[in-house]
Amino acid sequence: MVEGSYRWRKIWRNNGWHRITANTHARRRSIPSALLWQELDTLLMRKARVEIQWCKGHAETPGNIRADMFARQSN
C-alpha cells in the first residue's frame, strides 16, 4: 500500500492504469483493484498533506485500531 501510494500510483496513472513491461509485444496488464487505486489517487491529489505509513497489521497501535473500526463500520 505504501509503495503503491508513493511510487506505483504515478506510474500507473501515466500508463492509463495498466502495467507496462519493457517488452513492446507483451500485453498491458490491468492493475488489481484499479478503481480503488484511482479513487485513492484522486483523494491524495486533493489532500497533499496526507501521509501514508506502514504499520504492522492487527497491531495494538491507536491508528490501526481506529482504521479497523472504520473498516468494520463501512460494511
PDB file of N, CA and C in Angstrom:
ATOM      1  N   MET A   1       0.824  -1.188   0.000  1.00  0.00           N
ATOM      2  CA  MET A   1       0.000   0.000   0.000  1.00  0.00           C
ATOM      3  C   MET A   1       0.874   1.260   0.000  1.00  0.00           C
ATOM      4  N   VAL A   2       1.894   1.274   0.833  1.00  0.00           N
ATOM      5  CA  VAL A   2       2.728   2.473   0.930  1.00  0.00           C
ATOM      6  C   VAL A   2       3.488   2.690  -0.377  1.00  0.00           C
ATOM      7  N   GLU A   3       4.135   1.649  -0.876  1.00  0.00           N
ATOM      8  CA  GLU A   3       4.884   1.803  -2.124  1.00  0.00           C
ATOM      9  C   GLU A   3       3.948   2.098  -3.287  1.00  0.00           C
ATOM     10  N   GLY A   4       2.789   1.463  -3.292  1.00  0.00           N
ATOM     11  CA  GLY A   4       1.801   1.751  -4.331  1.00  0.00           C
ATOM     12  C   GLY A   4       1.346   3.194  -4.300  1.00  0.00           C
ATOM     13  N   SER A   5       1.196   3.749  -3.101  1.00  0.00           N
ATOM     14  CA  SER A   5       0.722   5.130  -2.956  1.00  0.00           C
ATOM     15  C   SER A   5       1.762   6.154  -3.368  1.00  0.00           C
ATOM     16  N   TYR A   6       3.014   5.871  -3.073  1.00  0.00           N
ATOM     17  CA  TYR A   6       4.058   6.854  -3.341  1.00  0.00           C
ATOM     18  C   TYR A   6       4.789   6.646  -4.661  1.00  0.00           C
ATOM     19  N   ARG A   7       4.902   5.405  -5.096  1.00  0.00           N
ATOM     20  CA  ARG A   7       5.717   5.146  -6.286  1.00  0.00           C
ATOM     21  C   ARG A   7       4.882   4.684  -7.476  1.00  0.00           C
ATOM     22  N   TRP A   8       4.166   3.567  -7.296  1.00  0.00           N
ATOM     23  CA  TRP A   8       3.478   2.933  -8.420  1.00  0.00           C
ATOM     24  C   TRP A   8       2.272   3.728  -8.909  1.00  0.00           C
ATOM     25  N   ARG A   9       1.602   4.424  -8.030  1.00  0.00           N
ATOM     26  CA  ARG A   9       0.389   5.170  -8.388  1.00  0.00           C
ATOM     27  C   ARG A   9       0.660   6.141  -9.534  1.00  0.00           C
ATOM     28  N   LYS A  10       1.759   6.863  -9.491  1.00  0.00           N
ATOM     29  CA  LYS A  10       2.094   7.838 -10.535  1.00  0.00           C
ATOM     30  C   LYS A  10       2.390   7.137 -11.860  1.00  0.00           C
ATOM     31  N   ILE A  11       3.086   6.018 -11.783  1.00  0.00           N
ATOM     32  CA  ILE A  11       3.404   5.251 -12.991  1.00  0.00           C
ATOM     33  C   ILE A  11       2.124   4.694 -13.598  1.00  0.00           C
ATOM     34  N   TRP A  12       1.263   4.093 -12.768  1.00  0.00           N
ATOM     35  CA  TRP A  12       0.008   3.528 -13.263  1.00  0.00           C
ATOM     36  C   TRP A  12      -0.863   4.602 -13.896  1.00  0.00           C
ATOM     37  N   ARG A  13      -0.930   5.771 -13.251  1.00  0.00           N
ATOM     38  CA  ARG A  13      -1.745   6.872 -13.791  1.00  0.00           C
ATOM     39  C   ARG A  13      -1.239   7.255 -15.178  1.00  0.00           C
ATOM     40  N   ASN A  14       0.084   7.387 -15.319  1.00  0.00           N
ATOM     41  CA  ASN A  14       0.665   7.760 -16.612  1.00  0.00           C
ATOM     42  C   ASN A  14       0.475   6.688 -17.678  1.00  0.00           C
ATOM     43  N   ASN A  15       0.302   5.436 -17.263  1.00  0.00           N
ATOM     44  CA  ASN A  15       0.115   4.321 -18.191  1.00  0.00           C
ATOM     45  C   ASN A  15      -1.360   3.960 -18.369  1.00  0.00           C
ATOM     46  N   GLY A  16      -2.247   4.856 -17.993  1.00  0.00           N
ATOM     47  CA  GLY A  16      -3.674   4.580 -18.151  1.00  0.00           C
ATOM     48  C   GLY A  16      -4.176   3.484 -17.239  1.00  0.00           C
ATOM     49  N   TRP A  17      -3.576   3.379 -16.048  1.00  0.00           N
ATOM     50  CA  TRP A  17      -3.943   2.398 -15.028  1.00  0.00           C
ATOM     51  C   TRP A  17      -3.730   0.971 -15.519  1.00  0.00           C
ATOM     52  N   HIS A  18      -2.612   0.785 -16.246  1.00  0.00           N
ATOM     53  CA  HIS A  18      -2.172  -0.538 -16.682  1.00  0.00           C
ATOM     54  C   HIS A  18      -0.701  -0.695 -16.339  1.00  0.00           C
ATOM     55  N   ARG A  19      -0.300  -1.947 -16.182  1.00  0.00           N
ATOM     56  CA  ARG A  19       1.120  -2.253 -16.011  1.00  0.00           C
ATOM     57  C   ARG A  19       1.714  -2.436 -17.392  1.00  0.00           C
ATOM     58  N   ILE A  20       2.859  -1.861 -17.612  1.00  0.00           N
ATOM     59  CA  ILE A  20       3.524  -1.977 -18.906  1.00  0.00           C
ATOM     60  C   ILE A  20       4.929  -2.516 -18.675  1.00  0.00           C
ATOM     61  N   THR A  21       5.315  -3.480 -19.471  1.00  0.00           N
ATOM     62  CA  THR A  21       6.658  -4.042 -19.373  1.00  0.00           C
ATOM     63  C   THR A  21       7.523  -3.455 -20.486  1.00  0.00           C
ATOM     64  N   ALA A  22       8.797  -3.727 -20.413  1.00  0.00           N
ATOM     65  CA  ALA A  22       9.722  -3.250 -21.446  1.00  0.00           C
ATOM     66  C   ALA A  22       9.482  -3.959 -22.775  1.00  0.00           C
ATOM     67  N   ASN A  23       8.888  -5.144 -22.733  1.00  0.00           N
ATOM     68  CA  ASN A  23       8.586  -5.901 -23.941  1.00  0.00           C
ATOM     69  C   ASN A  23       7.391  -5.256 -24.645  1.00  0.00           C
ATOM     70  N   THR A  24       7.613  -4.676 -25.802  1.00  0.00           N
ATOM     71  CA  THR A  24       6.537  -3.970 -26.514  1.00  0.00           C
ATOM     72  C   THR A  24       5.474  -4.919 -27.047  1.00  0.00           C
ATOM     73  N   HIS A  25       5.790  -6.213 -27.151  1.00  0.00           N
ATOM     74  CA  HIS A  25       4.819  -7.191 -27.652  1.00  0.00           C
ATOM     75  C   HIS A  25       3.975  -7.790 -26.533  1.00  0.00           C
ATOM     76  N   ALA A  26       4.335  -7.534 -25.297  1.00  0.00           N
ATOM     77  CA  ALA A  26       3.592  -8.075 -24.159  1.00  0.00           C
ATOM     78  C   ALA A  26       2.279  -7.319 -23.988  1.00  0.00           C
ATOM     79  N   ARG A  27       1.304  -8.033 -23.463  1.00  0.00           N
ATOM     80  CA  ARG A  27       0.008  -7.413 -23.208  1.00  0.00           C
ATOM     81  C   ARG A  27       0.096  -6.456 -22.040  1.00  0.00           C
ATOM     82  N   ARG A  28      -0.663  -5.373 -22.111  1.00  0.00           N
ATOM     83  CA  ARG A  28      -0.765  -4.455 -20.973  1.00  0.00           C
ATOM     84  C   ARG A  28      -1.681  -5.119 -19.948  1.00  0.00           C
ATOM     85  N   ARG A  29      -1.197  -5.290 -18.748  1.00  0.00           N
ATOM     86  CA  ARG A  29      -1.984  -5.945 -17.706  1.00  0.00           C
ATOM     87  C   ARG A  29      -2.687  -4.912 -16.852  1.00  0.00           C
ATOM     88  N   SER A  30      -3.905  -5.215 -16.481  1.00  0.00           N
ATOM     89  CA  SER A  30      -4.672  -4.309 -15.613  1.00  0.00           C
ATOM     90  C   SER A  30      -4.105  -4.318 -14.207  1.00  0.00           C
ATOM     91  N   ILE A  31      -4.342  -3.235 -13.501  1.00  0.00           N
ATOM     92  CA  ILE A  31      -3.949  -3.110 -12.099  1.00  0.00           C
ATOM     93  C   ILE A  31      -5.045  -3.742 -11.250  1.00  0.00           C
ATOM     94  N   PRO A  32      -4.691  -4.659 -10.334  1.00  0.00           N
ATOM     95  CA  PRO A  32      -5.722  -5.178  -9.429  1.00  0.00           C
ATOM     96  C   PRO A  32      -6.334  -4.033  -8.618  1.00  0.00           C
ATOM     97  N   SER A  33      -7.620  -4.039  -8.477  1.00  0.00           N
ATOM     98  CA  SER A  33      -8.344  -3.005  -7.731  1.00  0.00           C
ATOM     99  C   SER A  33      -8.096  -1.613  -8.311  1.00  0.00           C
ATOM    100  N   ALA A  34      -8.061  -1.522  -9.631  1.00  0.00           N
ATOM    101  CA  ALA A  34      -7.744  -0.253 -10.303  1.00  0.00           C
ATOM    102  C   ALA A  34      -8.708   0.863  -9.898  1.00  0.00           C
ATOM    103  N   LEU A  35      -9.986   0.558  -9.741  1.00  0.00           N
ATOM    104  CA  LEU A  35     -10.945   1.602  -9.366  1.00  0.00           C
ATOM    105  C   LEU A  35     -10.637   2.171  -7.988  1.00  0.00           C
ATOM    106  N   LEU A  36     -10.235   1.303  -7.061  1.00  0.00           N
ATOM    107  CA  LEU A  36      -9.868   1.783  -5.723  1.00  0.00           C
ATOM    108  C   LEU A  36      -8.605   2.647  -5.778  1.00  0.00           C
ATOM    109  N   TRP A  37      -7.623   2.216  -6.578  1.00  0.00           N
ATOM    110  CA  TRP A  37      -6.395   2.998  -6.719  1.00  0.00           C
ATOM    111  C   TRP A  37      -6.682   4.355  -7.356  1.00  0.00           C
ATOM    112  N   GLN A  38      -7.595   4.384  -8.316  1.00  0.00           N
ATOM    113  CA  GLN A  38      -7.942   5.653  -8.959  1.00  0.00           C
ATOM    114  C   GLN A  38      -8.627   6.587  -7.962  1.00  0.00           C
ATOM    115  N   GLU A  39      -9.499   6.024  -7.140  1.00  0.00           N
ATOM    116  CA  GLU A  39     -10.167   6.848  -6.120  1.00  0.00           C
ATOM    117  C   GLU A  39      -9.160   7.366  -5.102  1.00  0.00           C
ATOM    118  N   LEU A  40      -8.251   6.493  -4.665  1.00  0.00           N
ATOM    119  CA  LEU A  40      -7.207   6.908  -3.732  1.00  0.00           C
ATOM    120  C   LEU A  40      -6.324   7.986  -4.364  1.00  0.00           C
ATOM    121  N   ASP A  41      -5.996   7.823  -5.630  1.00  0.00           N
ATOM    122  CA  ASP A  41      -5.190   8.809  -6.344  1.00  0.00           C
ATOM    123  C   ASP A  41      -5.873  10.173  -6.332  1.00  0.00           C
ATOM    124  N   THR A  42      -7.154  10.200  -6.619  1.00  0.00           N
ATOM    125  CA  THR A  42      -7.906  11.459  -6.617  1.00  0.00           C
ATOM    126  C   THR A  42      -7.882  12.103  -5.241  1.00  0.00           C
ATOM    127  N   LEU A  43      -8.110  11.304  -4.207  1.00  0.00           N
ATOM    128  CA  LEU A  43      -8.118  11.837  -2.838  1.00  0.00           C
ATOM    129  C   LEU A  43      -6.739  12.366  -2.436  1.00  0.00           C
ATOM    130  N   LEU A  44      -5.688  11.622  -2.762  1.00  0.00           N
ATOM    131  CA  LEU A  44      -4.339  12.049  -2.387  1.00  0.00           C
ATOM    132  C   LEU A  44      -3.905  13.299  -3.153  1.00  0.00           C
ATOM    133  N   MET A  45      -4.378  13.450  -4.376  1.00  0.00           N
ATOM    134  CA  MET A  45      -4.030  14.651  -5.138  1.00  0.00           C
ATOM    135  C   MET A  45      -4.728  15.886  -4.554  1.00  0.00           C
ATOM    136  N   ARG A  46      -5.915  15.694  -3.986  1.00  0.00           N
ATOM    137  CA  ARG A  46      -6.645  16.811  -3.363  1.00  0.00           C
ATOM    138  C   ARG A  46      -6.067  17.167  -2.004  1.00  0.00           C
ATOM    139  N   LYS A  47      -5.624  16.165  -1.261  1.00  0.00           N
ATOM    140  CA  LYS A  47      -5.145  16.347   0.111  1.00  0.00           C
ATOM    141  C   LYS A  47      -3.649  16.065   0.168  1.00  0.00           C
ATOM    142  N   ALA A  48      -2.864  17.025  -0.234  1.00  0.00           N
ATOM    143  CA  ALA A  48      -1.411  16.836  -0.328  1.00  0.00           C
ATOM    144  C   ALA A  48      -0.763  16.591   1.032  1.00  0.00           C
ATOM    145  N   ARG A  49      -1.429  16.943   2.114  1.00  0.00           N
ATOM    146  CA  ARG A  49      -0.815  16.794   3.435  1.00  0.00           C
ATOM    147  C   ARG A  49      -1.043  15.417   4.050  1.00  0.00           C
ATOM    148  N   VAL A  50      -1.738  14.543   3.357  1.00  0.00           N
ATOM    149  CA  VAL A  50      -1.977  13.187   3.856  1.00  0.00           C
ATOM    150  C   VAL A  50      -0.689  12.390   3.720  1.00  0.00           C
ATOM    151  N   GLU A  51      -0.345  11.657   4.775  1.00  0.00           N
ATOM    152  CA  GLU A  51       0.852  10.822   4.765  1.00  0.00           C
ATOM    153  C   GLU A  51       0.446   9.386   5.038  1.00  0.00           C
ATOM    154  N   ILE A  52       0.903   8.486   4.207  1.00  0.00           N
ATOM    155  CA  ILE A  52       0.596   7.067   4.367  1.00  0.00           C
ATOM    156  C   ILE A  52       1.814   6.393   4.965  1.00  0.00           C
ATOM    157  N   GLN A  53       1.596   5.659   6.042  1.00  0.00           N
ATOM    158  CA  GLN A  53       2.691   4.966   6.714  1.00  0.00           C
ATOM    159  C   GLN A  53       2.327   3.511   6.897  1.00  0.00           C
ATOM    160  N   TRP A  54       3.342   2.648   6.868  1.00  0.00           N
ATOM    161  CA  TRP A  54       3.151   1.235   7.100  1.00  0.00           C
ATOM    162  C   TRP A  54       3.045   0.991   8.595  1.00  0.00           C
ATOM    163  N   CYS A  55       2.146   0.112   8.983  1.00  0.00           N
ATOM    164  CA  CYS A  55       2.115  -0.369  10.365  1.00  0.00           C
ATOM    165  C   CYS A  55       1.774  -1.851  10.330  1.00  0.00           C
ATOM    166  N   LYS A  56       2.236  -2.563  11.308  1.00  0.00           N
ATOM    167  CA  LYS A  56       2.004  -3.992  11.378  1.00  0.00           C
ATOM    168  C   LYS A  56       0.515  -4.256  11.517  1.00  0.00           C
ATOM    169  N   GLY A  57      -0.005  -5.158  10.709  1.00  0.00           N
ATOM    170  CA  GLY A  57      -1.424  -5.492  10.757  1.00  0.00           C
ATOM    171  C   GLY A  57      -1.808  -6.118  12.084  1.00  0.00           C
ATOM    172  N   HIS A  58      -2.998  -5.809  12.541  1.00  0.00           N
ATOM    173  CA  HIS A  58      -3.551  -6.327  13.797  1.00  0.00           C
ATOM    174  C   HIS A  58      -2.700  -5.957  15.002  1.00  0.00           C
ATOM    175  N   ALA A  59      -1.925  -4.898  14.865  1.00  0.00           N
ATOM    176  CA  ALA A  59      -1.131  -4.411  15.992  1.00  0.00           C
ATOM    177  C   ALA A  59      -2.032  -3.539  16.867  1.00  0.00           C
ATOM    178  N   GLU A  60      -1.667  -3.385  18.076  1.00  0.00           N
ATOM    179  CA  GLU A  60      -2.477  -2.602  19.020  1.00  0.00           C
ATOM    180  C   GLU A  60      -2.093  -1.126  19.009  1.00  0.00           C
ATOM    181  N   THR A  61      -1.793  -0.595  17.829  1.00  0.00           N
ATOM    182  CA  THR A  61      -1.492   0.830  17.728  1.00  0.00           C
ATOM    183  C   THR A  61      -2.802   1.604  17.575  1.00  0.00           C
ATOM    184  N   PRO A  62      -2.900   2.775  18.175  1.00  0.00           N
ATOM    185  CA  PRO A  62      -4.159   3.532  18.141  1.00  0.00           C
ATOM    186  C   PRO A  62      -4.681   3.793  16.728  1.00  0.00           C
ATOM    187  N   GLY A  63      -3.817   4.146  15.798  1.00  0.00           N
ATOM    188  CA  GLY A  63      -4.258   4.422  14.432  1.00  0.00           C
ATOM    189  C   GLY A  63      -4.789   3.182  13.738  1.00  0.00           C
ATOM    190  N   ASN A  64      -4.161   2.036  13.992  1.00  0.00           N
ATOM    191  CA  ASN A  64      -4.596   0.782  13.386  1.00  0.00           C
ATOM    192  C   ASN A  64      -5.938   0.339  13.958  1.00  0.00           C
ATOM    193  N   ILE A  65      -6.113   0.488  15.265  1.00  0.00           N
ATOM    194  CA  ILE A  65      -7.388   0.135  15.901  1.00  0.00           C
ATOM    195  C   ILE A  65      -8.505   1.002  15.330  1.00  0.00           C
ATOM    196  N   ARG A  66      -8.229   2.280  15.160  1.00  0.00           N
ATOM    197  CA  ARG A  66      -9.237   3.201  14.616  1.00  0.00           C
ATOM    198  C   ARG A  66      -9.561   2.860  13.159  1.00  0.00           C
ATOM    199  N   ALA A  67      -8.541   2.534  12.373  1.00  0.00           N
ATOM    200  CA  ALA A  67      -8.761   2.159  10.971  1.00  0.00           C
ATOM    201  C   ALA A  67      -9.602   0.894  10.885  1.00  0.00           C
ATOM    202  N   ASP A  68      -9.327  -0.087  11.745  1.00  0.00           N
ATOM    203  CA  ASP A  68     -10.137  -1.309  11.779  1.00  0.00           C
ATOM    204  C   ASP A  68     -11.585  -0.995  12.126  1.00  0.00           C
ATOM    205  N   MET A  69     -11.786  -0.090  13.078  1.00  0.00           N
ATOM    206  CA  MET A  69     -13.133   0.290  13.482  1.00  0.00           C
ATOM    207  C   MET A  69     -13.892   0.902  12.295  1.00  0.00           C
ATOM    208  N   PHE A  70     -13.246   1.818  11.572  1.00  0.00           N
ATOM    209  CA  PHE A  70     -13.889   2.443  10.413  1.00  0.00           C
ATOM    210  C   PHE A  70     -14.190   1.417   9.323  1.00  0.00           C
ATOM    211  N   ALA A  71     -13.266   0.470   9.104  1.00  0.00           N
ATOM    212  CA  ALA A  71     -13.468  -0.546   8.090  1.00  0.00           C
ATOM    213  C   ALA A  71     -14.660  -1.431   8.428  1.00  0.00           C
ATOM    214  N   ARG A  72     -14.799  -1.782   9.688  1.00  0.00           N
ATOM    215  CA  ARG A  72     -15.938  -2.612  10.105  1.00  0.00           C
ATOM    216  C   ARG A  72     -17.253  -1.860   9.979  1.00  0.00           C
ATOM    217  N   GLN A  73     -17.238  -0.554  10.258  1.00  0.00           N
ATOM    218  CA  GLN A  73     -18.456   0.247  10.177  1.00  0.00           C
ATOM    219  C   GLN A  73     -18.930   0.409   8.731  1.00  0.00           C
ATOM    220  N   SER A  74     -18.012   0.355   7.786  1.00  0.00           N
ATOM    221  CA  SER A  74     -18.381   0.596   6.384  1.00  0.00           C
ATOM    222  C   SER A  74     -19.096  -0.600   5.761  1.00  0.00           C
ATOM    223  N   ASN A  75     -19.035  -1.744   6.390  1.00  0.00           N
ATOM    224  CA  ASN A  75     -19.701  -2.938   5.834  1.00  0.00           C
ATOM    225  C   ASN A  75     -21.165  -2.915   6.065  1.00  0.00           C
TER     226      ASN A  75
END
